[in-house]
Amino acid sequence: MNDSGVELERIYRRSLEQSIIEDIALQKDINYRFAAEAYYRSRLARQISAGEYGVQYLDHHVLAKDLIENESELFSAIK
């Protein structure tokens, strides 16, 4: 991938992460900081960062819901 493609991918992933964090905050009724903390500790964040399984191309609503359902332990200390 050329430099502009790498940069576009980085921008896309940053936007995706922000959208996922916003969705988590809304769905869990928690503040953005707690949602970000949970996201960045998640398996999903590692998969998106590594580009595993093409998960970074899925809809952010689906990814947020999946994280909440499958990594619920991340929210046990929040609230």
N, C-alpha and C. Protein backbone atom coordinates (compact mmCIF):
# COMPACT_ATOMS: atom_id res chain seq x y z
N MET A 1 0.85 -1.17 0.00
CA MET A 1 0.00 0.00 0.00
C MET A 1 0.90 1.24 0.00
N ASN A 2 0.55 2.22 -0.82
CA ASN A 2 1.37 3.44 -0.87
C ASN A 2 1.10 4.32 0.36
N ASP A 3 1.89 5.37 0.50
CA ASP A 3 1.79 6.25 1.68
C ASP A 3 0.40 6.84 1.87
N SER A 4 -0.24 7.26 0.78
CA SER A 4 -1.58 7.85 0.92
C SER A 4 -2.59 6.80 1.33
N GLY A 5 -2.43 5.57 0.87
CA GLY A 5 -3.32 4.48 1.27
C GLY A 5 -3.17 4.14 2.74
N VAL A 6 -1.94 4.14 3.21
CA VAL A 6 -1.67 3.87 4.63
C VAL A 6 -2.28 4.98 5.48
N GLU A 7 -2.13 6.21 5.05
CA GLU A 7 -2.68 7.34 5.80
C GLU A 7 -4.21 7.29 5.82
N LEU A 8 -4.84 6.97 4.70
CA LEU A 8 -6.30 6.85 4.66
C LEU A 8 -6.78 5.74 5.58
N GLU A 9 -6.09 4.63 5.60
CA GLU A 9 -6.44 3.52 6.49
C GLU A 9 -6.34 3.95 7.95
N ARG A 10 -5.30 4.68 8.29
CA ARG A 10 -5.12 5.16 9.67
C ARG A 10 -6.26 6.11 10.06
N ILE A 11 -6.62 7.01 9.17
CA ILE A 11 -7.70 7.95 9.44
C ILE A 11 -9.02 7.20 9.59
N TYR A 12 -9.26 6.23 8.72
CA TYR A 12 -10.49 5.44 8.79
C TYR A 12 -10.57 4.70 10.13
N ARG A 13 -9.50 4.08 10.55
CA ARG A 13 -9.51 3.33 11.81
C ARG A 13 -9.74 4.25 13.00
N ARG A 14 -9.12 5.43 12.99
CA ARG A 14 -9.33 6.38 14.08
C ARG A 14 -10.80 6.79 14.15
N SER A 15 -11.41 7.06 13.01
CA SER A 15 -12.82 7.42 12.97
C SER A 15 -13.69 6.26 13.44
N LEU A 16 -13.36 5.05 13.02
CA LEU A 16 -14.09 3.87 13.45
C LEU A 16 -14.02 3.72 14.96
N GLU A 17 -12.83 3.87 15.52
CA GLU A 17 -12.67 3.73 16.97
C GLU A 17 -13.50 4.79 17.71
N GLN A 18 -13.50 6.00 17.24
CA GLN A 18 -14.30 7.05 17.87
C GLN A 18 -15.79 6.71 17.82
N SER A 19 -16.23 6.21 16.69
CA SER A 19 -17.65 5.84 16.55
C SER A 19 -18.01 4.68 17.47
N ILE A 20 -17.14 3.70 17.58
CA ILE A 20 -17.38 2.56 18.47
C ILE A 20 -17.47 3.05 19.92
N ILE A 21 -16.54 3.89 20.32
CA ILE A 21 -16.53 4.41 21.69
C ILE A 21 -17.80 5.20 21.98
N GLU A 22 -18.23 6.04 21.05
CA GLU A 22 -19.47 6.80 21.22
C GLU A 22 -20.65 5.86 21.38
N ASP A 23 -20.72 4.82 20.56
CA ASP A 23 -21.82 3.85 20.66
C ASP A 23 -21.80 3.13 22.00
N ILE A 24 -20.63 2.74 22.45
CA ILE A 24 -20.52 2.07 23.75
C ILE A 24 -21.03 3.00 24.85
N ALA A 25 -20.60 4.25 24.83
CA ALA A 25 -21.03 5.21 25.85
C ALA A 25 -22.55 5.35 25.86
N LEU A 26 -23.14 5.43 24.68
CA LEU A 26 -24.61 5.56 24.59
C LEU A 26 -25.31 4.28 25.04
N GLN A 27 -24.87 3.14 24.55
CA GLN A 27 -25.53 1.88 24.88
C GLN A 27 -25.41 1.51 26.35
N LYS A 28 -24.26 1.81 26.95
CA LYS A 28 -24.03 1.46 28.36
C LYS A 28 -24.37 2.61 29.31
N ASP A 29 -24.73 3.77 28.75
CA ASP A 29 -25.02 4.96 29.54
C ASP A 29 -23.88 5.28 30.50
N ILE A 30 -22.69 5.36 29.92
CA ILE A 30 -21.48 5.71 30.67
C ILE A 30 -20.80 6.88 29.96
N ASN A 31 -19.88 7.54 30.65
CA ASN A 31 -19.23 8.66 30.00
C ASN A 31 -18.19 8.16 28.99
N TYR A 32 -17.81 9.07 28.12
CA TYR A 32 -16.91 8.74 27.01
C TYR A 32 -15.58 8.18 27.50
N ARG A 33 -15.06 8.74 28.58
CA ARG A 33 -13.77 8.28 29.10
C ARG A 33 -13.81 6.82 29.52
N PHE A 34 -14.89 6.42 30.23
CA PHE A 34 -15.02 5.02 30.63
C PHE A 34 -15.20 4.10 29.42
N ALA A 35 -15.97 4.58 28.44
CA ALA A 35 -16.17 3.79 27.23
C ALA A 35 -14.86 3.61 26.48
N ALA A 36 -14.06 4.67 26.41
CA ALA A 36 -12.76 4.59 25.74
C ALA A 36 -11.83 3.64 26.48
N GLU A 37 -11.83 3.71 27.80
CA GLU A 37 -11.00 2.81 28.59
C GLU A 37 -11.36 1.34 28.33
N ALA A 38 -12.66 1.06 28.32
CA ALA A 38 -13.11 -0.31 28.05
C ALA A 38 -12.71 -0.73 26.63
N TYR A 39 -12.94 0.15 25.67
CA TYR A 39 -12.60 -0.18 24.28
C TYR A 39 -11.11 -0.50 24.13
N TYR A 40 -10.26 0.37 24.62
CA TYR A 40 -8.82 0.19 24.41
C TYR A 40 -8.24 -0.99 25.19
N ARG A 41 -8.98 -1.52 26.16
CA ARG A 41 -8.55 -2.74 26.85
C ARG A 41 -9.10 -4.00 26.18
N SER A 42 -9.92 -3.83 25.18
CA SER A 42 -10.65 -4.96 24.59
C SER A 42 -9.86 -5.73 23.53
N ARG A 43 -10.29 -6.94 23.33
CA ARG A 43 -9.78 -7.78 22.25
C ARG A 43 -10.12 -7.14 20.90
N LEU A 44 -11.30 -6.54 20.82
CA LEU A 44 -11.73 -5.89 19.58
C LEU A 44 -10.75 -4.80 19.16
N ALA A 45 -10.29 -3.97 20.11
CA ALA A 45 -9.34 -2.91 19.78
C ALA A 45 -8.06 -3.50 19.21
N ARG A 46 -7.60 -4.60 19.79
CA ARG A 46 -6.38 -5.24 19.28
C ARG A 46 -6.61 -5.79 17.87
N GLN A 47 -7.78 -6.37 17.63
CA GLN A 47 -8.09 -6.91 16.30
C GLN A 47 -8.16 -5.79 15.26
N ILE A 48 -8.78 -4.69 15.60
CA ILE A 48 -8.87 -3.57 14.67
C ILE A 48 -7.48 -3.00 14.39
N SER A 49 -6.71 -2.83 15.42
CA SER A 49 -5.35 -2.29 15.26
C SER A 49 -4.49 -3.17 14.36
N ALA A 50 -4.65 -4.48 14.50
CA ALA A 50 -3.86 -5.43 13.72
C ALA A 50 -4.48 -5.73 12.36
N GLY A 51 -5.71 -5.29 12.14
CA GLY A 51 -6.39 -5.58 10.89
C GLY A 51 -6.77 -7.05 10.76
N GLU A 52 -7.00 -7.71 11.90
CA GLU A 52 -7.32 -9.14 11.89
C GLU A 52 -8.72 -9.40 11.36
N TYR A 53 -8.84 -10.39 10.52
CA TYR A 53 -10.13 -10.89 10.01
C TYR A 53 -10.94 -9.84 9.26
N GLY A 54 -10.36 -8.71 8.95
CA GLY A 54 -11.11 -7.65 8.26
C GLY A 54 -12.17 -7.01 9.14
N VAL A 55 -12.06 -7.23 10.45
CA VAL A 55 -13.06 -6.72 11.39
C VAL A 55 -13.20 -5.20 11.31
N GLN A 56 -12.14 -4.51 10.91
CA GLN A 56 -12.17 -3.05 10.85
C GLN A 56 -13.11 -2.53 9.77
N TYR A 57 -13.61 -3.42 8.91
CA TYR A 57 -14.52 -2.98 7.85
C TYR A 57 -15.99 -3.21 8.18
N LEU A 58 -16.26 -3.73 9.38
CA LEU A 58 -17.64 -3.94 9.81
C LEU A 58 -18.22 -2.65 10.35
N ASP A 59 -19.54 -2.60 10.43
CA ASP A 59 -20.25 -1.43 10.91
C ASP A 59 -19.94 -1.18 12.39
N HIS A 60 -19.72 0.09 12.75
CA HIS A 60 -19.36 0.40 14.13
C HIS A 60 -20.45 0.05 15.13
N HIS A 61 -21.72 0.10 14.73
CA HIS A 61 -22.81 -0.29 15.63
C HIS A 61 -22.70 -1.78 15.97
N VAL A 62 -22.44 -2.58 14.97
CA VAL A 62 -22.29 -4.02 15.16
C VAL A 62 -21.09 -4.32 16.05
N LEU A 63 -19.99 -3.62 15.82
CA LEU A 63 -18.79 -3.86 16.60
C LEU A 63 -18.98 -3.44 18.06
N ALA A 64 -19.63 -2.32 18.30
CA ALA A 64 -19.89 -1.88 19.68
C ALA A 64 -20.79 -2.88 20.40
N LYS A 65 -21.84 -3.31 19.73
CA LYS A 65 -22.76 -4.28 20.33
C LYS A 65 -22.03 -5.59 20.63
N ASP A 66 -21.21 -6.03 19.71
CA ASP A 66 -20.44 -7.25 19.90
C ASP A 66 -19.50 -7.13 21.10
N LEU A 67 -18.82 -6.02 21.21
CA LEU A 67 -17.91 -5.82 22.34
C LEU A 67 -18.68 -5.86 23.66
N ILE A 68 -19.81 -5.18 23.72
CA ILE A 68 -20.61 -5.15 24.94
C ILE A 68 -21.09 -6.55 25.31
N GLU A 69 -21.52 -7.32 24.33
CA GLU A 69 -22.03 -8.67 24.60
C GLU A 69 -20.93 -9.67 24.91
N ASN A 70 -19.81 -9.58 24.22
CA ASN A 70 -18.79 -10.62 24.33
C ASN A 70 -17.62 -10.28 25.25
N GLU A 71 -17.53 -9.03 25.67
CA GLU A 71 -16.45 -8.64 26.58
C GLU A 71 -17.05 -7.84 27.74
N SER A 72 -18.15 -8.33 28.27
CA SER A 72 -18.89 -7.62 29.32
C SER A 72 -18.05 -7.40 30.58
N GLU A 73 -17.04 -8.23 30.80
CA GLU A 73 -16.19 -8.07 31.99
C GLU A 73 -15.48 -6.72 32.00
N LEU A 74 -15.31 -6.10 30.84
CA LEU A 74 -14.66 -4.80 30.77
C LEU A 74 -15.46 -3.70 31.46
N PHE A 75 -16.77 -3.96 31.66
CA PHE A 75 -17.66 -2.95 32.22
C PHE A 75 -18.00 -3.21 33.68
N SER A 76 -17.50 -4.29 34.25
CA SER A 76 -17.88 -4.66 35.61
C SER A 76 -17.44 -3.64 36.66
N ALA A 77 -16.34 -2.97 36.45
CA ALA A 77 -15.83 -2.00 37.42
C ALA A 77 -16.32 -0.58 37.13
N ILE A 78 -17.07 -0.40 36.06
CA ILE A 78 -17.51 0.93 35.65
C ILE A 78 -18.90 1.20 36.20
N LYS A 79 -19.11 2.41 36.68
CA LYS A 79 -20.37 3.00 37.11
C LYS A 79 -20.41 3.30 38.54
